[in-house]
Amino acid sequence: MRLALFADIHGNREAFDACLDHAHRRGADRFGFMGDLVGYGADPGYIVDKVAEYCERGAFAILGNHDAAVLRENDNMNDYARAAIDWTREELDDLQKTFLERLPHTLEKEYVLFVHSDASAPADWNYITDEGAAEQSMHATPKPVTICGHVHVPQLYRQTGGGVTAGAVPRANEPIVFELESKSLAVLGSVGQPRDENPNAAYALYDDSEMSLTYVRVDYDIERAAQKIHAAGLPRLLAARLFIGR
C-alpha cells in the first residue's frame, strides 16, 4: 500500500489539488489527512468537502488546531491566524463543521501513530521542534513510528541504539526506511503554507510494505492562491508568505 499523507493544507486549493494529482500519478492507493484542513487560505469549504469525499472512499483524517479553532475559540493564535479562523467560521456550513467536529486527534495503523501535533498531549497542540519534544512524543506511544504535522517544516527524528535522539532534515524524493527495533518520528511539511523557505507544496508517501516514507515537493499556482486571499479580504501577509515559504 502506498499511503499519501497531507498535513496543514490550510484552505489552499491550488496547493492541495497539485499534491493530490501528483500523489495519484505516483501510484498512491490510500490517503491520509493530518489536520489543519482550514485556516489561512481562501478555500476552506472546498478542502473540507474534498477530504470528506476521500474519507467516504476509505481515507482517514485527523483533527488539527485550526480545525478545532473553527469549532471552539483558541486564545493562543496570533492576530493573523485568528482573523483567518473568524472568516473561515463564517464560510463553512453546518455539514462541514460537523465533519471537522467528528475528526479524532490520533489514529493508529499497524506500526504507525498518526497525530497532528504531540502524541503525549494531542489536544494541547505542542510543536515538535527539537529532540526533547520528539522524545516526549515518541515515548507516548508503543508504535515504533510517529508521523505528525503542525510545524510546517519537514524534520526527522530517530532514536539510536543507545537511546539518544537525533534530528535531521529529510531530503525530498529519498525514501527513509524505518526500523521496528528503534523509534522514529517524522514531521511532515505543509501542503498549503510551507515555512522552510521552500514555497513548493509538501506532502509525503508512506509505503507500508517497505516501512518507508518519502517526502515530496510540488510546485503549484501560488499567484492564484494569493489572489484569492486578497479577494477574500484576509490579511495580506498570509498571501505574501506563500511566495517565500516562510
C-alpha atoms as a PDB file:
ATOM      1  CA  MET A   1       0.000   0.000   0.000  1.00  0.00           C
ATOM      2  CA  ARG A   2       1.209   3.486  -0.839  1.00  0.00           C
ATOM      3  CA  LEU A   3      -0.348   5.992   1.535  1.00  0.00           C
ATOM      4  CA  ALA A   4      -0.250   9.667   0.565  1.00  0.00           C
ATOM      5  CA  LEU A   5      -0.122  11.972   3.605  1.00  0.00           C
ATOM      6  CA  PHE A   6      -1.178  15.621   3.574  1.00  0.00           C
ATOM      7  CA  ALA A   7      -0.644  17.905   6.570  1.00  0.00           C
ATOM      8  CA  ASP A   8      -1.523  21.558   7.077  1.00  0.00           C
ATOM      9  CA  ILE A   9      -3.480  22.125   3.873  1.00  0.00           C
ATOM     10  CA  HIS A  10      -4.821  25.396   5.303  1.00  0.00           C
ATOM     11  CA  GLY A  11      -7.508  26.146   2.760  1.00  0.00           C
ATOM     12  CA  ASN A  12      -5.069  26.293  -0.150  1.00  0.00           C
ATOM     13  CA  ARG A  13      -6.954  24.692  -3.027  1.00  0.00           C
ATOM     14  CA  GLU A  14      -4.236  25.190  -5.615  1.00  0.00           C
ATOM     15  CA  ALA A  15      -1.566  23.525  -3.481  1.00  0.00           C
ATOM     16  CA  PHE A  16      -3.876  20.702  -2.417  1.00  0.00           C
ATOM     17  CA  ASP A  17      -5.052  19.857  -5.918  1.00  0.00           C
ATOM     18  CA  ALA A  18      -1.458  19.874  -7.184  1.00  0.00           C
ATOM     19  CA  CYS A  19      -0.387  17.469  -4.415  1.00  0.00           C
ATOM     20  CA  LEU A  20      -3.399  15.189  -4.937  1.00  0.00           C
ATOM     21  CA  ASP A  21      -2.722  14.981  -8.660  1.00  0.00           C
ATOM     22  CA  HIS A  22       0.951  14.287  -8.032  1.00  0.00           C
ATOM     23  CA  ALA A  23       0.165  11.555  -5.478  1.00  0.00           C
ATOM     24  CA  HIS A  24      -2.198   9.808  -7.888  1.00  0.00           C
ATOM     25  CA  ARG A  25       0.497   9.857 -10.555  1.00  0.00           C
ATOM     26  CA  ARG A  26       2.958   8.375  -8.061  1.00  0.00           C
ATOM     27  CA  GLY A  27       0.634   5.424  -7.506  1.00  0.00           C
ATOM     28  CA  ALA A  28      -0.902   6.309  -4.141  1.00  0.00           C
ATOM     29  CA  ASP A  29      -3.793   3.991  -3.325  1.00  0.00           C
ATOM     30  CA  ARG A  30      -4.675   5.289   0.159  1.00  0.00           C
ATOM     31  CA  PHE A  31      -4.876   8.811   1.533  1.00  0.00           C
ATOM     32  CA  GLY A  32      -4.468  10.350   4.968  1.00  0.00           C
ATOM     33  CA  PHE A  33      -5.126  13.935   6.013  1.00  0.00           C
ATOM     34  CA  MET A  34      -3.093  15.031   9.020  1.00  0.00           C
ATOM     35  CA  GLY A  35      -5.027  18.011  10.323  1.00  0.00           C
ATOM     36  CA  ASP A  36      -5.371  21.741   9.710  1.00  0.00           C
ATOM     37  CA  LEU A  37      -7.552  21.444   6.653  1.00  0.00           C
ATOM     38  CA  VAL A  38      -8.553  25.078   7.149  1.00  0.00           C
ATOM     39  CA  GLY A  39      -7.092  28.407   8.252  1.00  0.00           C
ATOM     40  CA  TYR A  40      -5.029  30.991   6.345  1.00  0.00           C
ATOM     41  CA  GLY A  41      -6.237  30.076   2.826  1.00  0.00           C
ATOM     42  CA  ALA A  42      -9.315  31.178   0.894  1.00  0.00           C
ATOM     43  CA  ASP A  43     -10.904  27.807   0.016  1.00  0.00           C
ATOM     44  CA  PRO A  44     -11.748  26.101   3.338  1.00  0.00           C
ATOM     45  CA  GLY A  45     -15.104  24.731   2.175  1.00  0.00           C
ATOM     46  CA  TYR A  46     -13.599  23.150  -0.910  1.00  0.00           C
ATOM     47  CA  ILE A  47     -10.876  21.471   1.145  1.00  0.00           C
ATOM     48  CA  VAL A  48     -13.270  20.087   3.765  1.00  0.00           C
ATOM     49  CA  ASP A  49     -15.623  18.745   1.083  1.00  0.00           C
ATOM     50  CA  LYS A  50     -12.779  17.149  -0.880  1.00  0.00           C
ATOM     51  CA  VAL A  51     -11.330  15.483   2.217  1.00  0.00           C
ATOM     52  CA  ALA A  52     -14.806  14.260   3.203  1.00  0.00           C
ATOM     53  CA  GLU A  53     -15.187  12.708  -0.262  1.00  0.00           C
ATOM     54  CA  TYR A  54     -11.897  10.875   0.104  1.00  0.00           C
ATOM     55  CA  CYS A  55     -12.865   9.680   3.588  1.00  0.00           C
ATOM     56  CA  GLU A  56     -16.062   8.201   2.167  1.00  0.00           C
ATOM     57  CA  ARG A  57     -13.805   6.125  -0.108  1.00  0.00           C
ATOM     58  CA  GLY A  58     -11.585   4.838   2.708  1.00  0.00           C
ATOM     59  CA  ALA A  59      -9.215   7.691   3.528  1.00  0.00           C
ATOM     60  CA  PHE A  60      -8.660   8.895   7.088  1.00  0.00           C
ATOM     61  CA  ALA A  61      -8.426  12.386   8.553  1.00  0.00           C
ATOM     62  CA  ILE A  62      -7.427  13.705  11.966  1.00  0.00           C
ATOM     63  CA  LEU A  63      -8.066  16.998  13.739  1.00  0.00           C
ATOM     64  CA  GLY A  64      -5.685  19.965  13.684  1.00  0.00           C
ATOM     65  CA  ASN A  65      -5.622  23.033  15.901  1.00  0.00           C
ATOM     66  CA  HIS A  66      -7.029  25.343  13.204  1.00  0.00           C
ATOM     67  CA  ASP A  67      -9.845  22.875  12.557  1.00  0.00           C
ATOM     68  CA  ALA A  68     -10.595  22.827  16.281  1.00  0.00           C
ATOM     69  CA  ALA A  69     -10.463  26.631  16.461  1.00  0.00           C
ATOM     70  CA  VAL A  70     -13.325  26.855  13.960  1.00  0.00           C
ATOM     71  CA  LEU A  71     -15.424  24.953  16.491  1.00  0.00           C
ATOM     72  CA  ARG A  72     -14.041  26.456  19.726  1.00  0.00           C
ATOM     73  CA  GLU A  73     -12.153  29.707  20.291  1.00  0.00           C
ATOM     74  CA  ASN A  74      -8.371  29.350  20.627  1.00  0.00           C
ATOM     75  CA  ASP A  75      -6.714  32.167  22.578  1.00  0.00           C
ATOM     76  CA  ASN A  76      -3.212  31.020  21.617  1.00  0.00           C
ATOM     77  CA  MET A  77      -3.450  32.136  17.993  1.00  0.00           C
ATOM     78  CA  ASN A  78      -1.816  35.274  16.655  1.00  0.00           C
ATOM     79  CA  ASP A  79      -3.897  38.051  15.145  1.00  0.00           C
ATOM     80  CA  TYR A  80      -3.412  36.865  11.538  1.00  0.00           C
ATOM     81  CA  ALA A  81      -4.414  33.289  12.313  1.00  0.00           C
ATOM     82  CA  ARG A  82      -7.397  34.421  14.371  1.00  0.00           C
ATOM     83  CA  ALA A  83      -8.626  36.710  11.594  1.00  0.00           C
ATOM     84  CA  ALA A  84      -8.475  33.817   9.137  1.00  0.00           C
ATOM     85  CA  ILE A  85     -10.303  31.494  11.527  1.00  0.00           C
ATOM     86  CA  ASP A  86     -13.045  34.054  12.183  1.00  0.00           C
ATOM     87  CA  TRP A  87     -13.518  34.392   8.412  1.00  0.00           C
ATOM     88  CA  THR A  88     -13.404  30.611   7.910  1.00  0.00           C
ATOM     89  CA  ARG A  89     -16.021  30.041  10.589  1.00  0.00           C
ATOM     90  CA  GLU A  90     -18.469  32.143   8.582  1.00  0.00           C
ATOM     91  CA  GLU A  91     -17.556  30.394   5.317  1.00  0.00           C
ATOM     92  CA  LEU A  92     -18.199  26.811   6.441  1.00  0.00           C
ATOM     93  CA  ASP A  93     -21.700  25.386   6.575  1.00  0.00           C
ATOM     94  CA  ASP A  94     -23.081  23.131   9.295  1.00  0.00           C
ATOM     95  CA  LEU A  95     -22.244  19.893   7.488  1.00  0.00           C
ATOM     96  CA  GLN A  96     -18.638  20.963   7.022  1.00  0.00           C
ATOM     97  CA  LYS A  97     -18.334  21.934  10.676  1.00  0.00           C
ATOM     98  CA  THR A  98     -19.862  18.614  11.715  1.00  0.00           C
ATOM     99  CA  PHE A  99     -17.258  16.788   9.645  1.00  0.00           C
ATOM    100  CA  LEU A 100     -14.472  18.650  11.454  1.00  0.00           C
ATOM    101  CA  GLU A 101     -16.092  18.051  14.840  1.00  0.00           C
ATOM    102  CA  ARG A 102     -16.047  14.289  14.299  1.00  0.00           C
ATOM    103  CA  LEU A 103     -12.356  14.073  13.488  1.00  0.00           C
ATOM    104  CA  PRO A 104     -10.186  12.198  16.030  1.00  0.00           C
ATOM    105  CA  HIS A 105      -6.957  13.580  17.489  1.00  0.00           C
ATOM    106  CA  THR A 106      -4.972  10.449  16.655  1.00  0.00           C
ATOM    107  CA  LEU A 107      -5.163   7.324  14.546  1.00  0.00           C
ATOM    108  CA  GLU A 108      -3.128   4.107  14.652  1.00  0.00           C
ATOM    109  CA  LYS A 109      -2.286   1.762  11.786  1.00  0.00           C
ATOM    110  CA  GLU A 110      -0.087  -1.264  12.428  1.00  0.00           C
ATOM    111  CA  TYR A 111       3.344   0.239  13.191  1.00  0.00           C
ATOM    112  CA  VAL A 112       2.439   3.927  12.943  1.00  0.00           C
ATOM    113  CA  LEU A 113       0.719   6.517  15.117  1.00  0.00           C
ATOM    114  CA  PHE A 114      -0.663   9.492  13.192  1.00  0.00           C
ATOM    115  CA  VAL A 115      -1.221  12.744  15.106  1.00  0.00           C
ATOM    116  CA  HIS A 116      -1.333  16.407  14.138  1.00  0.00           C
ATOM    117  CA  SER A 117       0.976  17.617  16.904  1.00  0.00           C
ATOM    118  CA  ASP A 118       2.425  15.913  20.002  1.00  0.00           C
ATOM    119  CA  ALA A 119       1.355  12.341  20.760  1.00  0.00           C
ATOM    120  CA  SER A 120       1.798  12.852  24.515  1.00  0.00           C
ATOM    121  CA  ALA A 121      -0.909  15.559  24.613  1.00  0.00           C
ATOM    122  CA  PRO A 122      -2.635  15.759  21.224  1.00  0.00           C
ATOM    123  CA  ALA A 123      -5.212  18.331  22.287  1.00  0.00           C
ATOM    124  CA  ASP A 124      -2.573  20.735  23.669  1.00  0.00           C
ATOM    125  CA  TRP A 125      -1.133  21.374  20.191  1.00  0.00           C
ATOM    126  CA  ASN A 126       2.518  21.314  21.254  1.00  0.00           C
ATOM    127  CA  TYR A 127       5.108  21.751  18.498  1.00  0.00           C
ATOM    128  CA  ILE A 128       7.796  19.150  17.792  1.00  0.00           C
ATOM    129  CA  THR A 129      10.765  21.415  17.121  1.00  0.00           C
ATOM    130  CA  ASP A 130      13.644  19.699  18.918  1.00  0.00           C
ATOM    131  CA  GLU A 131      14.907  16.351  20.171  1.00  0.00           C
ATOM    132  CA  GLY A 132      13.348  16.742  23.631  1.00  0.00           C
ATOM    133  CA  ALA A 133       9.865  17.312  22.258  1.00  0.00           C
ATOM    134  CA  ALA A 134      10.334  14.445  19.813  1.00  0.00           C
ATOM    135  CA  GLU A 135      11.357  12.083  22.615  1.00  0.00           C
ATOM    136  CA  GLN A 136       8.311  13.045  24.670  1.00  0.00           C
ATOM    137  CA  SER A 137       6.036  12.336  21.721  1.00  0.00           C
ATOM    138  CA  MET A 138       7.699   9.039  20.796  1.00  0.00           C
ATOM    139  CA  HIS A 139       7.575   7.774  24.396  1.00  0.00           C
ATOM    140  CA  ALA A 140       3.811   8.379  24.483  1.00  0.00           C
ATOM    141  CA  THR A 141       3.095   5.509  22.091  1.00  0.00           C
ATOM    142  CA  PRO A 142       4.255   1.890  21.756  1.00  0.00           C
ATOM    143  CA  LYS A 143       4.290   2.311  17.981  1.00  0.00           C
ATOM    144  CA  PRO A 144       7.804   2.442  16.508  1.00  0.00           C
ATOM    145  CA  VAL A 145       6.865   5.251  14.103  1.00  0.00           C
ATOM    146  CA  THR A 146       5.056   8.521  14.807  1.00  0.00           C
ATOM    147  CA  ILE A 147       4.053  10.817  11.941  1.00  0.00           C
ATOM    148  CA  CYS A 148       2.810  14.339  12.632  1.00  0.00           C
ATOM    149  CA  GLY A 149       2.456  17.791  11.107  1.00  0.00           C
ATOM    150  CA  HIS A 150       1.737  21.173  12.760  1.00  0.00           C
ATOM    151  CA  VAL A 151       5.239  22.635  12.396  1.00  0.00           C
ATOM    152  CA  HIS A 152       5.189  23.299   8.612  1.00  0.00           C
ATOM    153  CA  VAL A 153       8.887  22.354   8.446  1.00  0.00           C
ATOM    154  CA  PRO A 154       9.929  18.816   7.411  1.00  0.00           C
ATOM    155  CA  GLN A 155      12.007  17.114  10.082  1.00  0.00           C
ATOM    156  CA  LEU A 156      13.034  13.583  11.030  1.00  0.00           C
ATOM    157  CA  TYR A 157      13.968  12.309  14.500  1.00  0.00           C
ATOM    158  CA  ARG A 158      15.417   8.869  15.244  1.00  0.00           C
ATOM    159  CA  GLN A 159      16.457   7.107  18.425  1.00  0.00           C
ATOM    160  CA  THR A 160      19.814   5.360  18.235  1.00  0.00           C
ATOM    161  CA  GLY A 161      20.642   2.053  19.846  1.00  0.00           C
ATOM    162  CA  GLY A 162      21.903   3.927  22.890  1.00  0.00           C
ATOM    163  CA  GLY A 163      18.609   5.738  23.291  1.00  0.00           C
ATOM    164  CA  VAL A 164      19.891   9.080  22.006  1.00  0.00           C
ATOM    165  CA  THR A 165      17.519  11.030  19.777  1.00  0.00           C
ATOM    166  CA  ALA A 166      18.991  12.749  16.744  1.00  0.00           C
ATOM    167  CA  GLY A 167      17.225  15.141  14.389  1.00  0.00           C
ATOM    168  CA  ALA A 168      17.846  15.702  10.693  1.00  0.00           C
ATOM    169  CA  VAL A 169      16.302  17.482   7.732  1.00  0.00           C
ATOM    170  CA  PRO A 170      14.939  14.887   5.285  1.00  0.00           C
ATOM    171  CA  ARG A 171      15.662  15.247   1.584  1.00  0.00           C
ATOM    172  CA  ALA A 172      12.852  15.216  -0.932  1.00  0.00           C
ATOM    173  CA  ASN A 173      12.405  12.071  -3.037  1.00  0.00           C
ATOM    174  CA  GLU A 174      14.804   9.989  -0.918  1.00  0.00           C
ATOM    175  CA  PRO A 175      12.930   7.151   0.864  1.00  0.00           C
ATOM    176  CA  ILE A 176      13.523   6.866   4.606  1.00  0.00           C
ATOM    177  CA  VAL A 177      13.272   3.305   5.903  1.00  0.00           C
ATOM    178  CA  PHE A 178      12.026   2.873   9.469  1.00  0.00           C
ATOM    179  CA  GLU A 179      13.150   0.090  11.808  1.00  0.00           C
ATOM    180  CA  LEU A 180      10.908  -1.836  14.181  1.00  0.00           C
ATOM    181  CA  GLU A 181      13.698  -2.043  16.751  1.00  0.00           C
ATOM    182  CA  SER A 182      14.024   1.717  17.281  1.00  0.00           C
ATOM    183  CA  LYS A 183      11.646   4.639  17.370  1.00  0.00           C
ATOM    184  CA  SER A 184      11.316   7.340  14.749  1.00  0.00           C
ATOM    185  CA  LEU A 185       9.239  10.491  14.416  1.00  0.00           C
ATOM    186  CA  ALA A 186       8.596  12.213  11.104  1.00  0.00           C
ATOM    187  CA  VAL A 187       7.311  15.787  10.938  1.00  0.00           C
ATOM    188  CA  LEU A 188       5.653  16.417   7.590  1.00  0.00           C
ATOM    189  CA  GLY A 189       5.913  19.684   5.717  1.00  0.00           C
ATOM    190  CA  SER A 190       2.861  21.782   4.902  1.00  0.00           C
ATOM    191  CA  VAL A 191       0.741  21.434   1.791  1.00  0.00           C
ATOM    192  CA  GLY A 192      -0.741  24.907   1.951  1.00  0.00           C
ATOM    193  CA  GLN A 193       1.730  27.108   3.804  1.00  0.00           C
ATOM    194  CA  PRO A 194       5.336  25.796   3.871  1.00  0.00           C
ATOM    195  CA  ARG A 195       7.713  27.539   6.276  1.00  0.00           C
ATOM    196  CA  ASP A 196      11.085  26.003   5.429  1.00  0.00           C
ATOM    197  CA  GLU A 197      11.953  28.716   2.887  1.00  0.00           C
ATOM    198  CA  ASN A 198      10.777  26.469   0.054  1.00  0.00           C
ATOM    199  CA  PRO A 199       7.468  27.715  -1.364  1.00  0.00           C
ATOM    200  CA  ASN A 200       6.618  24.413  -3.060  1.00  0.00           C
ATOM    201  CA  ALA A 201       3.777  22.439  -1.500  1.00  0.00           C
ATOM    202  CA  ALA A 202       4.828  19.469   0.632  1.00  0.00           C
ATOM    203  CA  TYR A 203       3.319  16.033   1.163  1.00  0.00           C
ATOM    204  CA  ALA A 204       4.677  12.525   1.775  1.00  0.00           C
ATOM    205  CA  LEU A 205       4.252   8.929   0.609  1.00  0.00           C
ATOM    206  CA  TYR A 206       4.362   6.059   3.097  1.00  0.00           C
ATOM    207  CA  ASP A 207       4.946   2.532   1.755  1.00  0.00           C
ATOM    208  CA  ASP A 208       3.814   0.008   4.365  1.00  0.00           C
ATOM    209  CA  SER A 209       5.429  -2.954   2.596  1.00  0.00           C
ATOM    210  CA  GLU A 210       8.866  -1.343   2.998  1.00  0.00           C
ATOM    211  CA  MET A 211       8.070   0.798   6.067  1.00  0.00           C
ATOM    212  CA  SER A 212       9.458   3.763   4.177  1.00  0.00           C
ATOM    213  CA  LEU A 213       8.485   7.416   3.975  1.00  0.00           C
ATOM    214  CA  THR A 214       9.318   9.719   1.080  1.00  0.00           C
ATOM    215  CA  TYR A 215       8.996  13.478   1.370  1.00  0.00           C
ATOM    216  CA  VAL A 216       7.738  15.138  -1.820  1.00  0.00           C
ATOM    217  CA  ARG A 217       7.642  18.751  -3.036  1.00  0.00           C
ATOM    218  CA  VAL A 218       5.280  20.015  -5.733  1.00  0.00           C
ATOM    219  CA  ASP A 219       5.091  23.402  -7.426  1.00  0.00           C
ATOM    220  CA  TYR A 220       1.668  24.990  -7.838  1.00  0.00           C
ATOM    221  CA  ASP A 221      -0.053  28.229  -8.858  1.00  0.00           C
ATOM    222  CA  ILE A 222       0.954  30.404  -5.904  1.00  0.00           C
ATOM    223  CA  GLU A 223      -0.185  33.560  -7.658  1.00  0.00           C
ATOM    224  CA  ARG A 224      -3.729  32.203  -7.936  1.00  0.00           C
ATOM    225  CA  ALA A 225      -3.818  31.159  -4.272  1.00  0.00           C
ATOM    226  CA  ALA A 226      -2.542  34.589  -3.204  1.00  0.00           C
ATOM    227  CA  GLN A 227      -5.073  36.443  -5.346  1.00  0.00           C
ATOM    228  CA  LYS A 228      -7.886  34.528  -3.656  1.00  0.00           C
ATOM    229  CA  ILE A 229      -6.595  35.529  -0.219  1.00  0.00           C
ATOM    230  CA  HIS A 230      -6.584  39.173  -1.286  1.00  0.00           C
ATOM    231  CA  ALA A 231     -10.071  38.911  -2.787  1.00  0.00           C
ATOM    232  CA  ALA A 232     -11.417  37.393   0.429  1.00  0.00           C
ATOM    233  CA  GLY A 233     -10.127  40.324   2.456  1.00  0.00           C
ATOM    234  CA  LEU A 234      -7.841  38.138   4.554  1.00  0.00           C
ATOM    235  CA  PRO A 235      -4.574  39.570   5.950  1.00  0.00           C
ATOM    236  CA  ARG A 236      -2.203  40.250   3.067  1.00  0.00           C
ATOM    237  CA  LEU A 237       0.689  38.666   4.971  1.00  0.00           C
ATOM    238  CA  LEU A 238      -0.974  35.281   4.513  1.00  0.00           C
ATOM    239  CA  ALA A 239      -0.610  35.679   0.755  1.00  0.00           C
ATOM    240  CA  ALA A 240       2.872  37.234   0.777  1.00  0.00           C
ATOM    241  CA  ARG A 241       4.443  34.436   2.773  1.00  0.00           C
ATOM    242  CA  LEU A 242       3.336  31.819   0.214  1.00  0.00           C
ATOM    243  CA  PHE A 243       5.890  33.177  -2.270  1.00  0.00           C
ATOM    244  CA  ILE A 244       8.838  32.771   0.105  1.00  0.00           C
ATOM    245  CA  GLY A 245       7.835  29.700   2.104  1.00  0.00           C
ATOM    246  CA  ARG A 246       8.111  31.388   5.494  1.00  0.00           C
END
